[in-house]
């Protein structure tokens, strides 16, 4: 969740600082990809933790 918040704030900051909205979008997209990867790994870990491995 921190990556998503940092992406919003960072993307806004980069867009304002550089005056290039597209660059702010790149920062936001990168943070979004990081957040998706984090959530996917958390789901995979939770799935592994509850899996029946006796079979």
N, C-alpha and C. Protein backbone atom coordinates (compact mmCIF):
# COMPACT_ATOMS: atom_id res chain seq x y z
N UNK A 1 0.81 -1.19 0.00
CA UNK A 1 0.00 0.00 0.00
C UNK A 1 0.86 1.26 0.00
N UNK A 2 2.01 1.17 0.64
CA UNK A 2 2.90 2.33 0.69
C UNK A 2 3.39 2.68 -0.72
N UNK A 3 3.64 1.65 -1.53
CA UNK A 3 4.11 1.92 -2.89
C UNK A 3 3.04 2.65 -3.70
N UNK A 4 1.78 2.29 -3.49
CA UNK A 4 0.70 2.97 -4.21
C UNK A 4 0.61 4.43 -3.80
N UNK A 5 0.71 4.68 -2.51
CA UNK A 5 0.66 6.06 -2.03
C UNK A 5 1.87 6.86 -2.52
N UNK A 6 3.03 6.24 -2.46
CA UNK A 6 4.24 6.91 -2.93
C UNK A 6 4.15 7.18 -4.43
N UNK A 7 3.52 6.29 -5.17
CA UNK A 7 3.35 6.49 -6.60
C UNK A 7 2.46 7.67 -6.91
N UNK A 8 1.39 7.80 -6.14
CA UNK A 8 0.50 8.94 -6.35
C UNK A 8 1.20 10.26 -6.06
N UNK A 9 1.82 10.32 -4.89
CA UNK A 9 2.51 11.55 -4.49
C UNK A 9 3.73 11.79 -5.37
N UNK A 10 4.50 10.75 -5.62
CA UNK A 10 5.69 10.89 -6.44
C UNK A 10 5.36 11.25 -7.88
N UNK A 11 4.35 10.63 -8.43
CA UNK A 11 3.94 10.96 -9.80
C UNK A 11 3.49 12.39 -9.92
N UNK A 12 2.73 12.84 -8.94
CA UNK A 12 2.29 14.25 -8.93
C UNK A 12 3.50 15.18 -8.80
N UNK A 13 4.40 14.83 -7.88
CA UNK A 13 5.58 15.66 -7.66
C UNK A 13 6.47 15.75 -8.89
N UNK A 14 6.69 14.61 -9.54
CA UNK A 14 7.53 14.59 -10.74
C UNK A 14 6.87 15.39 -11.86
N UNK A 15 5.57 15.23 -12.00
CA UNK A 15 4.86 15.97 -13.05
C UNK A 15 4.93 17.47 -12.80
N UNK A 16 4.80 17.88 -11.55
CA UNK A 16 4.87 19.32 -11.24
C UNK A 16 6.30 19.84 -11.38
N UNK A 17 7.27 19.07 -10.90
CA UNK A 17 8.66 19.53 -10.88
C UNK A 17 9.23 19.64 -12.29
N UNK A 18 8.94 18.63 -13.11
CA UNK A 18 9.50 18.62 -14.47
C UNK A 18 8.59 19.30 -15.48
N UNK A 19 7.36 19.57 -15.09
CA UNK A 19 6.33 20.14 -15.99
C UNK A 19 6.04 19.21 -17.17
N UNK A 20 6.24 17.92 -16.95
CA UNK A 20 5.95 16.92 -17.98
C UNK A 20 5.00 15.90 -17.37
N UNK A 21 3.75 15.98 -17.75
CA UNK A 21 2.74 15.10 -17.18
C UNK A 21 3.02 13.64 -17.51
N UNK A 22 3.59 13.38 -18.68
CA UNK A 22 3.87 12.00 -19.08
C UNK A 22 4.87 11.35 -18.14
N UNK A 23 5.86 12.11 -17.69
CA UNK A 23 6.85 11.57 -16.78
C UNK A 23 6.23 11.22 -15.43
N UNK A 24 5.30 12.03 -14.98
CA UNK A 24 4.56 11.72 -13.76
C UNK A 24 3.75 10.44 -13.93
N UNK A 25 3.21 10.24 -15.13
CA UNK A 25 2.47 9.01 -15.41
C UNK A 25 3.37 7.79 -15.38
N UNK A 26 4.61 7.96 -15.83
CA UNK A 26 5.56 6.83 -15.79
C UNK A 26 5.84 6.44 -14.35
N UNK A 27 6.04 7.43 -13.49
CA UNK A 27 6.28 7.14 -12.06
C UNK A 27 5.06 6.45 -11.46
N UNK A 28 3.89 6.93 -11.78
CA UNK A 28 2.66 6.32 -11.26
C UNK A 28 2.51 4.89 -11.76
N UNK A 29 2.80 4.65 -13.03
CA UNK A 29 2.70 3.30 -13.59
C UNK A 29 3.71 2.35 -12.95
N UNK A 30 4.92 2.84 -12.72
CA UNK A 30 5.93 2.00 -12.09
C UNK A 30 5.51 1.61 -10.68
N UNK A 31 4.97 2.56 -9.94
CA UNK A 31 4.50 2.25 -8.59
C UNK A 31 3.31 1.29 -8.63
N UNK A 32 2.46 1.44 -9.62
CA UNK A 32 1.34 0.52 -9.78
C UNK A 32 1.81 -0.90 -10.07
N UNK A 33 2.81 -1.02 -10.92
CA UNK A 33 3.36 -2.34 -11.23
C UNK A 33 4.00 -2.97 -10.00
N UNK A 34 4.68 -2.15 -9.22
CA UNK A 34 5.28 -2.64 -7.98
C UNK A 34 4.22 -3.11 -7.00
N UNK A 35 3.14 -2.37 -6.91
CA UNK A 35 2.04 -2.73 -6.01
C UNK A 35 1.39 -4.04 -6.46
N UNK A 36 1.18 -4.20 -7.76
CA UNK A 36 0.59 -5.44 -8.28
C UNK A 36 1.49 -6.63 -7.99
N UNK A 37 2.79 -6.45 -8.17
CA UNK A 37 3.73 -7.53 -7.90
C UNK A 37 3.72 -7.89 -6.41
N UNK A 38 3.63 -6.90 -5.55
CA UNK A 38 3.59 -7.14 -4.11
C UNK A 38 2.33 -7.90 -3.72
N UNK A 39 1.20 -7.48 -4.24
CA UNK A 39 -0.07 -8.15 -3.92
C UNK A 39 -0.07 -9.58 -4.46
N UNK A 40 0.44 -9.77 -5.67
CA UNK A 40 0.49 -11.11 -6.25
C UNK A 40 1.37 -12.04 -5.41
N UNK A 41 2.50 -11.53 -4.94
CA UNK A 41 3.38 -12.37 -4.12
C UNK A 41 2.74 -12.67 -2.77
N UNK A 42 2.01 -11.72 -2.21
CA UNK A 42 1.32 -11.95 -0.94
C UNK A 42 0.23 -13.01 -1.10
N UNK A 43 -0.48 -12.94 -2.20
CA UNK A 43 -1.53 -13.94 -2.45
C UNK A 43 -0.91 -15.32 -2.66
N UNK A 44 0.18 -15.38 -3.40
CA UNK A 44 0.86 -16.66 -3.62
C UNK A 44 1.38 -17.24 -2.31
N UNK A 45 1.94 -16.42 -1.47
CA UNK A 45 2.44 -16.88 -0.18
C UNK A 45 1.29 -17.37 0.70
N UNK A 46 0.20 -16.65 0.72
CA UNK A 46 -0.95 -17.07 1.52
C UNK A 46 -1.53 -18.37 0.99
N UNK A 47 -1.58 -18.51 -0.32
CA UNK A 47 -2.07 -19.74 -0.92
C UNK A 47 -1.17 -20.92 -0.56
N UNK A 48 0.13 -20.70 -0.59
CA UNK A 48 1.07 -21.76 -0.24
C UNK A 48 0.93 -22.13 1.24
N UNK A 49 0.70 -21.14 2.09
CA UNK A 49 0.62 -21.37 3.53
C UNK A 49 -0.59 -22.23 3.92
N UNK A 50 -1.68 -22.09 3.19
CA UNK A 50 -2.89 -22.83 3.53
C UNK A 50 -3.07 -24.10 2.70
N UNK A 51 -2.17 -24.37 1.77
CA UNK A 51 -2.29 -25.53 0.89
C UNK A 51 -2.08 -26.82 1.68
N UNK A 52 -2.78 -27.85 1.27
CA UNK A 52 -2.62 -29.17 1.85
C UNK A 52 -1.47 -29.87 1.14
N UNK A 53 -0.33 -29.95 1.80
CA UNK A 53 0.87 -30.50 1.17
C UNK A 53 1.10 -31.97 1.54
N UNK A 54 0.12 -32.62 2.12
CA UNK A 54 0.27 -34.03 2.50
C UNK A 54 0.08 -34.95 1.31
N UNK A 55 -0.47 -34.46 0.24
CA UNK A 55 -0.77 -35.31 -0.92
C UNK A 55 0.44 -35.64 -1.75
